Protein backbone atom coordinates (compact mmCIF):
# COMPACT_ATOMS: atom_id res chain seq x y z
CA MET A 1 91.60 28.59 60.68
CA ASN A 2 88.27 28.29 62.50
CA THR A 3 89.47 27.97 66.08
CA LEU A 4 88.24 29.02 69.49
CA LYS A 5 90.82 29.77 72.17
CA THR A 6 90.05 29.49 75.86
CA LYS A 7 92.46 29.97 78.75
CA GLN A 8 93.04 26.21 78.87
CA MET A 9 92.93 25.05 75.24
CA GLU A 10 92.33 25.76 71.59
CA ILE A 11 89.36 24.10 69.91
CA ASP A 12 89.75 23.65 66.17
CA LEU A 13 86.40 23.62 64.33
CA THR A 14 87.94 23.73 60.85
CA SER A 15 87.14 20.13 59.92
CA SER A 16 83.77 20.08 61.66
CA ASP A 17 80.30 21.44 60.92
CA LEU A 18 80.14 23.23 64.26
CA VAL A 19 79.93 26.94 64.89
CA GLN A 20 80.51 28.70 68.16
CA ALA A 21 77.29 29.97 69.69
CA HIS A 22 77.23 33.56 70.91
CA LEU A 23 75.07 35.17 73.57
CA SER A 24 72.51 36.18 70.95
CA ASP A 25 72.04 32.47 70.17
CA TRP A 26 70.84 31.63 73.70
CA LYS A 27 67.27 30.84 72.64
CA THR A 28 68.39 28.59 69.76
CA VAL A 29 70.75 26.64 72.00
CA ALA A 30 68.13 26.33 74.73
CA ASP A 31 65.27 25.30 72.46
CA ILE A 32 67.30 22.59 70.71
CA THR A 33 68.31 21.35 74.15
CA GLY A 34 64.75 21.52 75.43
CA GLU A 35 63.53 19.42 72.52
CA ALA A 36 66.35 16.94 73.06
CA PHE A 37 65.51 16.54 76.76
CA ALA A 38 61.70 16.64 76.46
CA GLU A 39 61.50 12.87 77.01
CA ASP A 40 64.46 12.62 79.36
CA PRO A 41 63.50 10.67 82.53
CA VAL A 42 65.13 13.07 84.98
CA ASN A 43 63.79 16.23 83.38
CA GLN A 44 60.31 14.78 83.05
CA TRP A 45 60.31 13.79 86.73
CA VAL A 46 61.58 17.20 87.87
CA PHE A 47 59.74 19.56 85.53
CA GLY A 48 56.97 17.52 83.95
CA LYS A 49 55.91 19.76 81.08
CA PRO A 50 57.95 20.39 77.90
CA GLY A 51 57.44 24.13 78.36
CA ALA A 52 58.90 23.99 81.86
CA ILE A 53 61.91 22.00 80.63
CA ARG A 54 62.51 24.50 77.81
CA SER A 55 62.16 27.42 80.22
CA MET A 56 64.82 25.96 82.52
CA PHE A 57 67.29 25.53 79.67
CA ARG A 58 66.60 29.07 78.44
CA VAL A 59 67.60 30.42 81.83
CA MET A 60 70.71 28.25 82.01
CA ALA A 61 71.81 29.16 78.49
CA ARG A 62 71.20 32.89 78.83
CA GLU A 63 72.42 33.39 82.40
CA MET A 64 75.30 30.89 82.65
CA TYR A 65 76.52 28.82 79.78
CA LEU A 66 76.69 31.36 76.96
CA PRO A 67 78.14 34.29 78.93
CA GLN A 68 80.46 32.23 81.12
CA GLY A 69 80.93 28.93 79.33
CA LEU A 70 81.15 27.54 75.82
CA SER A 71 78.48 26.40 73.40
CA HIS A 72 78.43 24.99 69.89
CA LEU A 73 75.64 24.63 67.34
CA HIS A 74 75.39 21.99 64.62
CA PRO A 75 73.53 23.03 61.45
CA ALA A 76 71.63 19.73 61.33
CA GLY A 77 70.05 20.56 64.69
CA GLY A 78 72.32 20.03 67.67
CA ALA A 79 73.73 22.02 70.56
CA THR A 80 76.07 21.70 73.52
CA MET A 81 76.68 23.68 76.68
CA TRP A 82 80.10 23.39 78.36
CA MET A 83 81.79 25.00 81.34
CA PRO A 84 85.60 25.23 81.33
CA PRO A 85 87.82 24.72 84.38
CA GLY A 86 87.92 27.48 86.93
CA VAL A 87 84.36 28.71 86.33
CA ASP A 88 81.71 28.04 88.97
CA ALA A 89 78.98 25.86 87.46
CA ALA A 90 76.50 26.70 90.24
CA PRO A 91 73.60 28.97 89.26
CA SER A 92 73.68 32.59 90.43
CA GLN A 93 70.97 34.18 92.58
CA VAL A 94 69.71 36.04 89.52
CA GLY A 95 69.61 32.79 87.59
CA LEU A 96 67.70 31.06 90.37
CA PHE A 97 65.18 33.90 90.48
CA LYS A 98 64.59 33.74 86.72
CA PHE A 99 64.36 29.94 86.93
CA ALA A 100 61.65 30.24 89.58
CA LEU A 101 59.71 32.79 87.54
CA GLY A 102 59.87 30.51 84.49
CA GLN A 103 58.60 27.54 86.44
CA LEU A 104 55.72 29.54 87.92
CA ARG A 105 54.72 30.47 84.38
CA HIS A 106 55.30 27.15 82.63
CA GLY A 107 55.49 24.53 85.41
CA THR A 108 54.61 24.18 89.07
CA LEU A 109 55.80 25.11 92.54
CA GLY A 110 56.86 21.49 92.96
CA ALA A 111 59.12 21.81 89.93
CA ILE A 112 60.96 24.70 91.59
CA LYS A 113 61.62 22.65 94.72
CA ARG A 114 62.63 19.55 92.79
CA GLY A 115 64.87 21.55 90.46
CA MET A 116 66.72 23.26 93.29
CA ALA A 117 67.14 19.98 95.17
CA LEU A 118 68.58 18.38 92.03
CA SER A 119 70.98 21.31 91.61
CA ASP A 120 72.25 20.73 95.16
CA LEU A 121 72.76 17.01 94.45
CA MET A 122 74.65 17.75 91.25
CA GLN A 123 76.89 20.21 93.06
CA ALA A 124 77.60 17.64 95.77
CA TRP A 125 78.76 15.09 93.16
CA HIS A 126 80.68 17.59 91.05
CA PRO A 127 84.44 16.81 91.07
CA LYS A 128 86.75 19.39 92.59
CA GLU A 129 89.74 18.75 90.34
CA PRO A 130 90.08 20.79 87.12
CA HIS A 131 88.02 19.46 84.21
CA MET A 132 85.83 20.41 81.29
CA TYR A 133 82.16 20.06 82.25
CA LEU A 134 79.59 18.96 79.68
CA PHE A 135 76.28 20.26 81.00
CA THR A 136 74.19 19.29 77.96
CA ILE A 137 74.48 17.75 74.54
CA GLY A 138 71.36 17.29 72.47
CA THR A 139 69.81 17.14 69.03
CA THR A 140 66.42 17.80 67.53
CA ARG A 141 64.24 14.81 66.72
CA ASP A 142 64.99 15.14 63.00
CA ALA A 143 68.75 15.06 63.64
CA ARG A 144 68.81 11.86 65.68
CA GLY A 145 70.76 8.91 64.34
CA LYS A 146 72.76 11.04 61.90
CA GLY A 147 76.06 11.34 63.77
CA VAL A 148 75.32 14.82 65.08
CA GLY A 149 76.06 13.86 68.69
CA LYS A 150 79.47 12.51 67.73
CA GLY A 151 80.12 15.64 65.69
CA LEU A 152 79.28 17.85 68.66
CA LEU A 153 81.68 16.01 70.97
CA ALA A 154 84.68 15.31 68.76
CA PRO A 155 86.38 18.75 68.50
CA VAL A 156 86.11 19.49 72.21
CA LEU A 157 87.28 16.03 73.30
CA LYS A 158 90.23 16.35 70.92
CA ALA A 159 91.13 19.73 72.42
CA CYS A 160 90.78 18.37 75.95
CA ASP A 161 93.11 15.50 75.11
CA ALA A 162 95.69 17.90 73.71
CA ALA A 163 95.45 20.05 76.85
CA GLY A 164 95.47 17.07 79.22
CA LEU A 165 92.02 17.98 80.57
CA PRO A 166 89.55 15.36 81.81
CA VAL A 167 85.83 15.77 81.08
CA TYR A 168 82.86 15.32 83.42
CA LEU A 169 79.12 14.96 82.79
CA GLU A 170 75.95 13.72 84.46
CA ASN A 171 74.03 11.27 82.30
CA SER A 172 70.31 11.65 82.96
CA ASN A 173 69.11 8.90 80.61
CA PRO A 174 70.35 5.28 80.86
CA ALA A 175 69.71 4.91 77.12
CA ASN A 176 72.70 7.20 76.50
CA SER A 177 75.22 5.31 78.66
CA GLY A 178 76.57 3.34 75.70
CA PHE A 179 77.06 6.50 73.62
CA TYR A 180 79.15 8.09 76.33
CA ALA A 181 81.08 4.88 76.97
CA THR A 182 82.14 4.71 73.31
CA HIS A 183 83.67 8.17 73.75
CA GLY A 184 85.74 7.15 76.75
CA PHE A 185 83.45 8.09 79.65
CA GLU A 186 83.29 5.82 82.68
CA ARG A 187 80.64 5.68 85.39
CA MET A 188 81.62 7.19 88.73
CA GLY A 189 78.45 6.04 90.47
CA VAL A 190 74.70 6.61 90.40
CA PHE A 191 72.27 8.53 92.56
CA GLU A 192 68.50 8.76 92.76
CA ILE A 193 67.35 12.31 92.27
CA GLY A 194 64.44 12.16 94.70
CA GLY A 195 64.26 8.77 96.38
CA ASP A 196 61.22 6.50 96.29
CA GLY A 197 62.11 4.99 92.94
CA SER A 198 62.82 8.31 91.23
CA PRO A 199 65.04 8.36 88.10
CA ILE A 200 68.78 8.12 88.51
CA MET A 201 71.66 10.25 87.34
CA GLU A 202 74.96 8.70 86.34
CA PRO A 203 78.02 10.90 86.89
CA MET A 204 80.66 10.01 84.26
CA TRP A 205 84.33 10.88 83.91
CA ARG A 206 86.68 10.80 80.94
CA GLU A 207 90.42 10.99 81.40
CA ALA A 208 92.40 12.83 78.75
CA LYS A 209 93.74 10.49 76.09
CA THR A 210 97.42 10.65 75.22
């Protein structure tokens, strides 16, 4: 049986097209995610350039979400990054340093400041109670509209339900609110990421289904 066991739950991938991503897959996970978020309002406002967005996700995948969290790849062109309960989702000092270097190479000094300010806001909104955290879910342009997003979510949501674990995410694109709502996520609130009419983020929560 194609299963992945964590301390909190067992994720069965047998009936899905997903494969678990390993540390060596960090660039694949990050580049799929970077393509998926290239036109995302929040990421465009913070980082501006596609290369800067991709660089940020490469750091997050390599330094945090593959070594400490959980990631899946879909063969049609999709990827997720999750963090299980009990693991700090805040970036490390090493991760912040590599993030800054990447932005100096691919983005701007302003992107560093905006990115760190956004990280602080996200941490402030992050729930304290145990939950599964969905940092990113994304597909390539060619994979859109083919059910890949649903396929990426389904096995993990099923495992969370079986384990009684709620799920949390921050939606950075209002166009995706309906997709998350159909999977049981409810809005917790909204916050502007920089004031002065900047894009909003929409924290969303999904209770485990019995």
